[in-house]
């Protein structure tokens, strides 16, 4: 695949409302928060900011892992900020959000790998804004079930952990991660005493085959995953894993139908689909009362 592969026409987006975008950016900057929208160079960030929403990234902006698809910085992490949950609540209040996604960098350096900060953020939102739906998108916590429990016990609406790509590509794309470990995290969360929904996401266009995608979807369903999101991988820079293929919208549609046939309760699949993009749609459809 050519290194200067041009974007196909289905991978262009209209310009969003600049006033709403400005308001979100100013709120985030004033409160000293980080969004995965900016850190991961998400193609939907102008759209999300234009709709007055964002996905918050806790525990700093330096990751202890260095995945080849991700533009989040790799380096020495900062000490967790105990005031961060309060500031997130304030941002959610100012932006008038009805649903919020909380994710993080991976923090292998911390004794609890950041599980406590996830839990406190969920609890802070529950205390201050009890009607808001909350989705957590967590790292794998090294597969430690006691850390998954810490997050689940805080009561998020959706527990999400992304597998990102097919097993064969892990060594190249996610060398510090492990597919079986991620599946065990999802399976544990699905089997725990937890009333919320289980979700995962993956990117296409990294070099996977359709047979591998279908196989991974079956593995996710067997692990108890109820919601799955599939989107097009876009290379953040020339230092990252290249795009091997742009998947046309009709192929995403076919994958979605296949996944629904496997028993998933909700499937979002398309070129611009991202794990947290319009995440409230699945939760609203499957839960209804997001704070329940």
C-alpha atoms as a PDB file:
ATOM      1  CA  UNK A   1       0.000   0.000   0.000  1.00  0.00           C
ATOM      2  CA  UNK A   2       1.369   3.414  -0.946  1.00  0.00           C
ATOM      3  CA  UNK A   3       2.587   5.553   1.963  1.00  0.00           C
ATOM      4  CA  UNK A   4       0.820   8.609   0.468  1.00  0.00           C
ATOM      5  CA  UNK A   5      -2.520   6.867   0.077  1.00  0.00           C
ATOM      6  CA  UNK A   6      -5.238   9.475  -0.466  1.00  0.00           C
ATOM      7  CA  UNK A   7      -8.390   9.525   1.583  1.00  0.00           C
ATOM      8  CA  UNK A   8     -11.412   8.212  -0.319  1.00  0.00           C
ATOM      9  CA  UNK A   9     -14.469  10.498  -0.669  1.00  0.00           C
ATOM     10  CA  UNK A  10     -16.378   8.747   2.103  1.00  0.00           C
ATOM     11  CA  UNK A  11     -13.750   9.892   4.635  1.00  0.00           C
ATOM     12  CA  UNK A  12     -14.532  13.624   4.521  1.00  0.00           C
ATOM     13  CA  UNK A  13     -16.608  15.486   7.107  1.00  0.00           C
ATOM     14  CA  UNK A  14     -18.444  18.826   7.045  1.00  0.00           C
ATOM     15  CA  UNK A  15     -17.242  21.726   9.200  1.00  0.00           C
ATOM     16  CA  UNK A  16     -18.936  21.912  12.606  1.00  0.00           C
ATOM     17  CA  UNK A  17     -20.319  24.841  14.582  1.00  0.00           C
ATOM     18  CA  UNK A  18     -17.288  26.994  15.530  1.00  0.00           C
ATOM     19  CA  UNK A  19     -19.027  28.611  18.512  1.00  0.00           C
ATOM     20  CA  UNK A  20     -19.812  25.281  20.185  1.00  0.00           C
ATOM     21  CA  UNK A  21     -16.290  24.071  19.434  1.00  0.00           C
ATOM     22  CA  UNK A  22     -14.830  27.184  21.055  1.00  0.00           C
ATOM     23  CA  UNK A  23     -16.991  26.750  24.161  1.00  0.00           C
ATOM     24  CA  UNK A  24     -15.880  23.162  24.686  1.00  0.00           C
ATOM     25  CA  UNK A  25     -12.197  23.955  24.137  1.00  0.00           C
ATOM     26  CA  UNK A  26     -12.344  26.913  26.531  1.00  0.00           C
ATOM     27  CA  UNK A  27     -14.059  24.842  29.228  1.00  0.00           C
ATOM     28  CA  UNK A  28     -11.491  22.047  28.940  1.00  0.00           C
ATOM     29  CA  UNK A  29      -8.558  24.480  29.004  1.00  0.00           C
ATOM     30  CA  UNK A  30      -9.934  26.511  31.922  1.00  0.00           C
ATOM     31  CA  UNK A  31     -10.435  23.403  34.041  1.00  0.00           C
ATOM     32  CA  UNK A  32      -7.066  21.915  33.106  1.00  0.00           C
ATOM     33  CA  UNK A  33      -8.537  18.727  31.661  1.00  0.00           C
ATOM     34  CA  UNK A  34      -7.458  16.425  28.841  1.00  0.00           C
ATOM     35  CA  UNK A  35      -9.632  14.916  26.115  1.00  0.00           C
ATOM     36  CA  UNK A  36      -8.887  11.811  24.119  1.00  0.00           C
ATOM     37  CA  UNK A  37     -10.449  13.698  21.208  1.00  0.00           C
ATOM     38  CA  UNK A  38      -7.379  15.925  20.925  1.00  0.00           C
ATOM     39  CA  UNK A  39      -4.750  13.511  22.225  1.00  0.00           C
ATOM     40  CA  UNK A  40      -5.763  10.765  19.784  1.00  0.00           C
ATOM     41  CA  UNK A  41      -6.339  13.241  16.921  1.00  0.00           C
ATOM     42  CA  UNK A  42      -9.838  11.861  16.434  1.00  0.00           C
ATOM     43  CA  UNK A  43     -11.397  12.824  13.075  1.00  0.00           C
ATOM     44  CA  UNK A  44     -14.711  13.409  14.867  1.00  0.00           C
ATOM     45  CA  UNK A  45     -13.455  15.932  17.407  1.00  0.00           C
ATOM     46  CA  UNK A  46     -14.779  19.001  15.570  1.00  0.00           C
ATOM     47  CA  UNK A  47     -18.144  17.267  15.246  1.00  0.00           C
ATOM     48  CA  UNK A  48     -18.225  16.313  18.938  1.00  0.00           C
ATOM     49  CA  UNK A  49     -17.032  19.727  20.107  1.00  0.00           C
ATOM     50  CA  UNK A  50     -19.612  21.286  17.805  1.00  0.00           C
ATOM     51  CA  UNK A  51     -22.315  19.269  19.551  1.00  0.00           C
ATOM     52  CA  UNK A  52     -20.991  20.361  22.943  1.00  0.00           C
ATOM     53  CA  UNK A  53     -19.467  17.055  24.015  1.00  0.00           C
ATOM     54  CA  UNK A  54     -16.056  15.464  24.543  1.00  0.00           C
ATOM     55  CA  UNK A  55     -14.470  12.298  25.924  1.00  0.00           C
ATOM     56  CA  UNK A  56     -12.371  12.985  29.007  1.00  0.00           C
ATOM     57  CA  UNK A  57      -8.989  11.320  29.486  1.00  0.00           C
ATOM     58  CA  UNK A  58      -7.923  10.997  33.102  1.00  0.00           C
ATOM     59  CA  UNK A  59      -4.555  10.229  34.724  1.00  0.00           C
ATOM     60  CA  UNK A  60      -2.521  12.557  32.520  1.00  0.00           C
ATOM     61  CA  UNK A  61      -1.507  12.525  28.878  1.00  0.00           C
ATOM     62  CA  UNK A  62       1.539  10.224  28.933  1.00  0.00           C
ATOM     63  CA  UNK A  63       0.968   6.500  28.474  1.00  0.00           C
ATOM     64  CA  UNK A  64       3.224   3.781  29.860  1.00  0.00           C
ATOM     65  CA  UNK A  65       2.652   1.732  26.695  1.00  0.00           C
ATOM     66  CA  UNK A  66       3.508   2.608  23.113  1.00  0.00           C
ATOM     67  CA  UNK A  67       0.964   1.168  20.675  1.00  0.00           C
ATOM     68  CA  UNK A  68       1.798   1.668  17.011  1.00  0.00           C
ATOM     69  CA  UNK A  69      -1.653   2.981  16.073  1.00  0.00           C
ATOM     70  CA  UNK A  70      -2.037   5.573  18.850  1.00  0.00           C
ATOM     71  CA  UNK A  71      -0.930   9.212  18.900  1.00  0.00           C
ATOM     72  CA  UNK A  72      -1.157   9.600  22.687  1.00  0.00           C
ATOM     73  CA  UNK A  73       2.288  10.455  24.076  1.00  0.00           C
ATOM     74  CA  UNK A  74       4.500   7.745  25.557  1.00  0.00           C
ATOM     75  CA  UNK A  75       6.671   8.773  28.455  1.00  0.00           C
ATOM     76  CA  UNK A  76       7.001   9.442  32.176  1.00  0.00           C
ATOM     77  CA  UNK A  77       3.462   9.845  33.565  1.00  0.00           C
ATOM     78  CA  UNK A  78       2.404  12.529  36.001  1.00  0.00           C
ATOM     79  CA  UNK A  79       1.284  11.874  39.564  1.00  0.00           C
ATOM     80  CA  UNK A  80      -2.516  11.394  39.576  1.00  0.00           C
ATOM     81  CA  UNK A  81      -4.391  14.565  40.487  1.00  0.00           C
ATOM     82  CA  UNK A  82      -6.930  13.981  43.284  1.00  0.00           C
ATOM     83  CA  UNK A  83      -8.861  17.078  42.198  1.00  0.00           C
ATOM     84  CA  UNK A  84      -9.369  15.783  38.649  1.00  0.00           C
ATOM     85  CA  UNK A  85     -12.741  14.057  39.321  1.00  0.00           C
ATOM     86  CA  UNK A  86     -14.192  17.294  40.713  1.00  0.00           C
ATOM     87  CA  UNK A  87     -13.083  19.265  37.651  1.00  0.00           C
ATOM     88  CA  UNK A  88     -14.606  16.677  35.339  1.00  0.00           C
ATOM     89  CA  UNK A  89     -17.922  17.026  37.165  1.00  0.00           C
ATOM     90  CA  UNK A  90     -17.709  20.786  36.693  1.00  0.00           C
ATOM     91  CA  UNK A  91     -16.989  20.379  32.963  1.00  0.00           C
ATOM     92  CA  UNK A  92     -19.930  18.013  32.556  1.00  0.00           C
ATOM     93  CA  UNK A  93     -22.141  20.519  34.374  1.00  0.00           C
ATOM     94  CA  UNK A  94     -20.978  23.517  32.304  1.00  0.00           C
ATOM     95  CA  UNK A  95     -21.376  21.657  29.015  1.00  0.00           C
ATOM     96  CA  UNK A  96     -24.792  20.300  29.990  1.00  0.00           C
ATOM     97  CA  UNK A  97     -23.848  16.718  29.135  1.00  0.00           C
ATOM     98  CA  UNK A  98     -26.362  13.926  29.620  1.00  0.00           C
ATOM     99  CA  UNK A  99     -23.804  11.193  28.917  1.00  0.00           C
ATOM    100  CA  UNK A 100     -20.071  11.211  29.518  1.00  0.00           C
ATOM    101  CA  UNK A 101     -17.236   8.867  28.507  1.00  0.00           C
ATOM    102  CA  UNK A 102     -14.213   8.587  30.791  1.00  0.00           C
ATOM    103  CA  UNK A 103     -11.053   6.965  29.451  1.00  0.00           C
ATOM    104  CA  UNK A 104      -7.380   7.103  30.405  1.00  0.00           C
ATOM    105  CA  UNK A 105      -3.842   6.458  29.388  1.00  0.00           C
ATOM    106  CA  UNK A 106      -2.476   3.105  30.566  1.00  0.00           C
ATOM    107  CA  UNK A 107      -0.787   3.478  33.952  1.00  0.00           C
ATOM    108  CA  UNK A 108       1.229   0.329  34.538  1.00  0.00           C
ATOM    109  CA  UNK A 109       3.377   2.406  36.913  1.00  0.00           C
ATOM    110  CA  UNK A 110       0.646   2.774  39.570  1.00  0.00           C
ATOM    111  CA  UNK A 111      -0.101   0.107  42.195  1.00  0.00           C
ATOM    112  CA  UNK A 112      -3.785   0.117  41.192  1.00  0.00           C
ATOM    113  CA  UNK A 113      -3.031   1.016  37.524  1.00  0.00           C
ATOM    114  CA  UNK A 114      -5.500   3.906  37.776  1.00  0.00           C
ATOM    115  CA  UNK A 115      -8.580   1.908  38.779  1.00  0.00           C
ATOM    116  CA  UNK A 116      -9.131   4.068  41.840  1.00  0.00           C
ATOM    117  CA  UNK A 117      -9.172   7.284  39.808  1.00  0.00           C
ATOM    118  CA  UNK A 118     -11.740   5.775  37.450  1.00  0.00           C
ATOM    119  CA  UNK A 119     -13.912   4.773  40.396  1.00  0.00           C
ATOM    120  CA  UNK A 120     -13.661   8.144  42.128  1.00  0.00           C
ATOM    121  CA  UNK A 121     -14.517   9.955  38.887  1.00  0.00           C
ATOM    122  CA  UNK A 122     -17.625   7.811  38.433  1.00  0.00           C
ATOM    123  CA  UNK A 123     -18.646   8.363  42.053  1.00  0.00           C
ATOM    124  CA  UNK A 124     -18.059  12.113  41.790  1.00  0.00           C
ATOM    125  CA  UNK A 125     -20.329  12.342  38.753  1.00  0.00           C
ATOM    126  CA  UNK A 126     -22.949  10.183  40.454  1.00  0.00           C
ATOM    127  CA  UNK A 127     -22.900  12.472  43.519  1.00  0.00           C
ATOM    128  CA  UNK A 128     -22.956  15.758  41.636  1.00  0.00           C
ATOM    129  CA  UNK A 129     -24.991  14.875  38.541  1.00  0.00           C
ATOM    130  CA  UNK A 130     -26.975  11.714  39.286  1.00  0.00           C
ATOM    131  CA  UNK A 131     -28.960  11.771  36.040  1.00  0.00           C
ATOM    132  CA  UNK A 132     -25.869  11.616  33.797  1.00  0.00           C
ATOM    133  CA  UNK A 133     -25.017   8.328  32.065  1.00  0.00           C
ATOM    134  CA  UNK A 134     -21.401   7.259  32.491  1.00  0.00           C
ATOM    135  CA  UNK A 135     -19.262   5.076  30.259  1.00  0.00           C
ATOM    136  CA  UNK A 136     -15.764   4.024  31.296  1.00  0.00           C
ATOM    137  CA  UNK A 137     -13.230   2.950  28.672  1.00  0.00           C
ATOM    138  CA  UNK A 138     -10.449   1.316  30.654  1.00  0.00           C
ATOM    139  CA  UNK A 139      -7.036  -0.209  29.981  1.00  0.00           C
ATOM    140  CA  UNK A 140      -6.600  -3.910  30.705  1.00  0.00           C
ATOM    141  CA  UNK A 141      -5.345  -3.414  34.302  1.00  0.00           C
ATOM    142  CA  UNK A 142      -2.861  -6.224  33.543  1.00  0.00           C
ATOM    143  CA  UNK A 143      -5.817  -8.602  33.700  1.00  0.00           C
ATOM    144  CA  UNK A 144      -6.205  -8.155  37.475  1.00  0.00           C
ATOM    145  CA  UNK A 145      -9.857  -8.871  38.375  1.00  0.00           C
ATOM    146  CA  UNK A 146      -9.656  -7.027  41.692  1.00  0.00           C
ATOM    147  CA  UNK A 147      -8.931  -3.805  39.782  1.00  0.00           C
ATOM    148  CA  UNK A 148     -11.815  -4.392  37.383  1.00  0.00           C
ATOM    149  CA  UNK A 149     -13.986  -4.803  40.486  1.00  0.00           C
ATOM    150  CA  UNK A 150     -12.891  -1.400  41.799  1.00  0.00           C
ATOM    151  CA  UNK A 151     -14.281   0.239  38.657  1.00  0.00           C
ATOM    152  CA  UNK A 152     -17.426  -1.874  38.388  1.00  0.00           C
ATOM    153  CA  UNK A 153     -18.381  -1.261  42.009  1.00  0.00           C
ATOM    154  CA  UNK A 154     -18.573   2.479  41.291  1.00  0.00           C
ATOM    155  CA  UNK A 155     -21.525   1.714  38.992  1.00  0.00           C
ATOM    156  CA  UNK A 156     -20.812   2.979  35.463  1.00  0.00           C
ATOM    157  CA  UNK A 157     -23.600   2.638  32.912  1.00  0.00           C
ATOM    158  CA  UNK A 158     -21.230   0.959  30.433  1.00  0.00           C
ATOM    159  CA  UNK A 159     -17.921  -0.819  31.047  1.00  0.00           C
ATOM    160  CA  UNK A 160     -15.790  -0.732  27.905  1.00  0.00           C
ATOM    161  CA  UNK A 161     -12.390  -2.179  27.089  1.00  0.00           C
ATOM    162  CA  UNK A 162     -11.093  -2.133  23.519  1.00  0.00           C
ATOM    163  CA  UNK A 163      -9.403  -5.067  21.804  1.00  0.00           C
ATOM    164  CA  UNK A 164      -8.464  -2.652  18.958  1.00  0.00           C
ATOM    165  CA  UNK A 165      -7.350  -5.203  16.334  1.00  0.00           C
ATOM    166  CA  UNK A 166      -7.149  -8.912  15.512  1.00  0.00           C
ATOM    167  CA  UNK A 167      -4.870 -11.340  17.348  1.00  0.00           C
ATOM    168  CA  UNK A 168      -2.305 -11.742  14.538  1.00  0.00           C
ATOM    169  CA  UNK A 169      -1.518  -8.007  14.534  1.00  0.00           C
ATOM    170  CA  UNK A 170      -0.978  -7.581  18.267  1.00  0.00           C
ATOM    171  CA  UNK A 171       2.770  -8.230  18.121  1.00  0.00           C
ATOM    172  CA  UNK A 172       3.193  -5.386  15.615  1.00  0.00           C
ATOM    173  CA  UNK A 173       0.429  -2.974  16.621  1.00  0.00           C
ATOM    174  CA  UNK A 174       0.032  -3.612  20.374  1.00  0.00           C
ATOM    175  CA  UNK A 175       3.252  -5.312  21.531  1.00  0.00           C
ATOM    176  CA  UNK A 176       2.647  -4.588  25.241  1.00  0.00           C
ATOM    177  CA  UNK A 177      -0.942  -5.847  25.172  1.00  0.00           C
ATOM    178  CA  UNK A 178      -2.366  -9.360  24.986  1.00  0.00           C
ATOM    179  CA  UNK A 179      -5.555 -10.438  23.243  1.00  0.00           C
ATOM    180  CA  UNK A 180      -6.382 -13.222  25.683  1.00  0.00           C
ATOM    181  CA  UNK A 181      -5.864 -10.864  28.613  1.00  0.00           C
ATOM    182  CA  UNK A 182      -8.257  -8.321  27.116  1.00  0.00           C
ATOM    183  CA  UNK A 183     -10.871 -10.996  26.456  1.00  0.00           C
ATOM    184  CA  UNK A 184     -10.524 -12.189  30.049  1.00  0.00           C
ATOM    185  CA  UNK A 185     -11.154  -8.636  31.308  1.00  0.00           C
ATOM    186  CA  UNK A 186     -14.346  -8.411  29.268  1.00  0.00           C
ATOM    187  CA  UNK A 187     -15.446 -11.892  30.296  1.00  0.00           C
ATOM    188  CA  UNK A 188     -14.794 -11.149  33.957  1.00  0.00           C
ATOM    189  CA  UNK A 189     -16.767  -7.883  33.801  1.00  0.00           C
ATOM    190  CA  UNK A 190     -19.638  -9.645  32.038  1.00  0.00           C
ATOM    191  CA  UNK A 191     -19.757 -12.336  34.717  1.00  0.00           C
ATOM    192  CA  UNK A 192     -19.375 -10.005  37.690  1.00  0.00           C
ATOM    193  CA  UNK A 193     -22.254  -8.758  39.812  1.00  0.00           C
ATOM    194  CA  UNK A 194     -22.631  -5.710  37.587  1.00  0.00           C
ATOM    195  CA  UNK A 195     -25.860  -4.428  36.045  1.00  0.00           C
ATOM    196  CA  UNK A 196     -24.273  -2.317  33.301  1.00  0.00           C
ATOM    197  CA  UNK A 197     -23.410  -3.071  29.689  1.00  0.00           C
ATOM    198  CA  UNK A 198     -20.160  -4.566  28.334  1.00  0.00           C
ATOM    199  CA  UNK A 199     -18.593  -2.973  25.252  1.00  0.00           C
ATOM    200  CA  UNK A 200     -15.508  -3.260  23.049  1.00  0.00           C
ATOM    201  CA  UNK A 201     -14.199  -1.687  19.857  1.00  0.00           C
ATOM    202  CA  UNK A 202     -11.775  -2.410  17.050  1.00  0.00           C
ATOM    203  CA  UNK A 203     -10.230  -0.627  14.102  1.00  0.00           C
ATOM    204  CA  UNK A 204     -10.145  -1.932  10.552  1.00  0.00           C
ATOM    205  CA  UNK A 205      -7.621  -1.236   7.823  1.00  0.00           C
ATOM    206  CA  UNK A 206      -4.503  -2.343   9.704  1.00  0.00           C
ATOM    207  CA  UNK A 207      -4.026  -5.457   7.572  1.00  0.00           C
ATOM    208  CA  UNK A 208      -6.612  -7.810   9.068  1.00  0.00           C
ATOM    209  CA  UNK A 209      -8.681 -10.214   6.957  1.00  0.00           C
ATOM    210  CA  UNK A 210     -12.458 -10.517   7.061  1.00  0.00           C
ATOM    211  CA  UNK A 211     -12.100 -14.043   8.417  1.00  0.00           C
ATOM    212  CA  UNK A 212     -10.034 -12.671  11.312  1.00  0.00           C
ATOM    213  CA  UNK A 213     -12.578  -9.925  11.999  1.00  0.00           C
ATOM    214  CA  UNK A 214     -15.445 -12.409  12.122  1.00  0.00           C
ATOM    215  CA  UNK A 215     -13.414 -14.657  14.396  1.00  0.00           C
ATOM    216  CA  UNK A 216     -12.675 -11.795  16.788  1.00  0.00           C
ATOM    217  CA  UNK A 217     -16.337 -10.809  16.854  1.00  0.00           C
ATOM    218  CA  UNK A 218     -17.237 -14.366  17.850  1.00  0.00           C
ATOM    219  CA  UNK A 219     -14.606 -14.259  20.606  1.00  0.00           C
ATOM    220  CA  UNK A 220     -16.013 -10.962  21.892  1.00  0.00           C
ATOM    221  CA  UNK A 221     -19.542 -12.317  21.927  1.00  0.00           C
ATOM    222  CA  UNK A 222     -18.438 -15.481  23.764  1.00  0.00           C
ATOM    223  CA  UNK A 223     -16.773 -13.220  26.335  1.00  0.00           C
ATOM    224  CA  UNK A 224     -20.111 -11.557  27.028  1.00  0.00           C
ATOM    225  CA  UNK A 225     -19.629  -8.347  25.066  1.00  0.00           C
ATOM    226  CA  UNK A 226     -22.997  -6.784  24.231  1.00  0.00           C
ATOM    227  CA  UNK A 227     -21.939  -3.650  22.325  1.00  0.00           C
ATOM    228  CA  UNK A 228     -19.263  -3.509  19.637  1.00  0.00           C
ATOM    229  CA  UNK A 229     -17.987  -0.555  17.604  1.00  0.00           C
ATOM    230  CA  UNK A 230     -15.924  -0.916  14.408  1.00  0.00           C
ATOM    231  CA  UNK A 231     -14.272   1.980  12.579  1.00  0.00           C
ATOM    232  CA  UNK A 232     -11.601   2.833  10.017  1.00  0.00           C
ATOM    233  CA  UNK A 233      -8.038   3.190  11.269  1.00  0.00           C
ATOM    234  CA  UNK A 234      -6.452   6.489  10.200  1.00  0.00           C
ATOM    235  CA  UNK A 235      -2.723   6.918  10.565  1.00  0.00           C
ATOM    236  CA  UNK A 236      -1.890   9.752  13.015  1.00  0.00           C
ATOM    237  CA  UNK A 237       1.585  10.307  11.506  1.00  0.00           C
ATOM    238  CA  UNK A 238       4.203   8.643   9.330  1.00  0.00           C
ATOM    239  CA  UNK A 239       5.770   7.233  12.505  1.00  0.00           C
ATOM    240  CA  UNK A 240       2.686   5.089  13.125  1.00  0.00           C
ATOM    241  CA  UNK A 241       1.458   1.863  11.567  1.00  0.00           C
ATOM    242  CA  UNK A 242       0.368   2.546   8.026  1.00  0.00           C
ATOM    243  CA  UNK A 243      -3.142   2.162   6.657  1.00  0.00           C
ATOM    244  CA  UNK A 244      -3.232  -1.018   4.612  1.00  0.00           C
ATOM    245  CA  UNK A 245      -6.731  -0.510   3.281  1.00  0.00           C
ATOM    246  CA  UNK A 246      -9.701   1.848   3.400  1.00  0.00           C
ATOM    247  CA  UNK A 247     -12.854  -0.154   4.062  1.00  0.00           C
ATOM    248  CA  UNK A 248     -15.864   1.079   2.044  1.00  0.00           C
ATOM    249  CA  UNK A 249     -19.125   1.887   3.869  1.00  0.00           C
ATOM    250  CA  UNK A 250     -20.967  -1.048   2.307  1.00  0.00           C
ATOM    251  CA  UNK A 251     -18.412  -3.466   3.755  1.00  0.00           C
ATOM    252  CA  UNK A 252     -18.911  -1.939   7.196  1.00  0.00           C
ATOM    253  CA  UNK A 253     -22.652  -2.459   6.712  1.00  0.00           C
ATOM    254  CA  UNK A 254     -22.094  -6.120   5.917  1.00  0.00           C
ATOM    255  CA  UNK A 255     -19.886  -6.587   8.987  1.00  0.00           C
ATOM    256  CA  UNK A 256     -22.553  -4.930  11.115  1.00  0.00           C
ATOM    257  CA  UNK A 257     -25.195  -7.378   9.888  1.00  0.00           C
ATOM    258  CA  UNK A 258     -22.860 -10.291  10.557  1.00  0.00           C
ATOM    259  CA  UNK A 259     -22.201  -9.070  14.096  1.00  0.00           C
ATOM    260  CA  UNK A 260     -25.898  -8.579  14.815  1.00  0.00           C
ATOM    261  CA  UNK A 261     -26.457 -12.138  13.621  1.00  0.00           C
ATOM    262  CA  UNK A 262     -23.977 -13.304  16.260  1.00  0.00           C
ATOM    263  CA  UNK A 263     -26.188 -11.877  19.001  1.00  0.00           C
ATOM    264  CA  UNK A 264     -24.695  -8.484  19.819  1.00  0.00           C
ATOM    265  CA  UNK A 265     -27.333  -6.134  21.219  1.00  0.00           C
ATOM    266  CA  UNK A 266     -25.848  -3.085  19.466  1.00  0.00           C
ATOM    267  CA  UNK A 267     -23.328  -2.729  16.629  1.00  0.00           C
ATOM    268  CA  UNK A 268     -21.966   0.533  15.245  1.00  0.00           C
ATOM    269  CA  UNK A 269     -19.816   0.080  12.148  1.00  0.00           C
ATOM    270  CA  UNK A 270     -18.640   2.694   9.682  1.00  0.00           C
ATOM    271  CA  UNK A 271     -15.633   4.703   8.501  1.00  0.00           C
ATOM    272  CA  UNK A 272     -15.971   7.375  11.217  1.00  0.00           C
ATOM    273  CA  UNK A 273     -17.104   5.125  14.054  1.00  0.00           C
ATOM    274  CA  UNK A 274     -14.932   5.447  17.143  1.00  0.00           C
ATOM    275  CA  UNK A 275     -15.349   3.833  20.534  1.00  0.00           C
ATOM    276  CA  UNK A 276     -16.693   6.947  22.239  1.00  0.00           C
ATOM    277  CA  UNK A 277     -18.242   8.720  19.246  1.00  0.00           C
ATOM    278  CA  UNK A 278     -22.011   9.009  19.803  1.00  0.00           C
ATOM    279  CA  UNK A 279     -21.589   6.348  22.483  1.00  0.00           C
ATOM    280  CA  UNK A 280     -24.770   7.533  24.160  1.00  0.00           C
ATOM    281  CA  UNK A 281     -26.885   6.061  21.341  1.00  0.00           C
ATOM    282  CA  UNK A 282     -26.202   2.454  22.332  1.00  0.00           C
ATOM    283  CA  UNK A 283     -26.646   3.117  26.035  1.00  0.00           C
ATOM    284  CA  UNK A 284     -29.874   5.046  25.512  1.00  0.00           C
ATOM    285  CA  UNK A 285     -31.307   2.321  23.296  1.00  0.00           C
ATOM    286  CA  UNK A 286     -30.350  -0.538  25.614  1.00  0.00           C
ATOM    287  CA  UNK A 287     -30.732   1.056  29.038  1.00  0.00           C
ATOM    288  CA  UNK A 288     -33.201   3.893  28.517  1.00  0.00           C
ATOM    289  CA  UNK A 289     -32.734   5.571  31.865  1.00  0.00           C
ATOM    290  CA  UNK A 290     -28.992   6.191  31.664  1.00  0.00           C
ATOM    291  CA  UNK A 291     -28.515   6.718  35.363  1.00  0.00           C
ATOM    292  CA  UNK A 292     -30.125   3.430  36.321  1.00  0.00           C
END
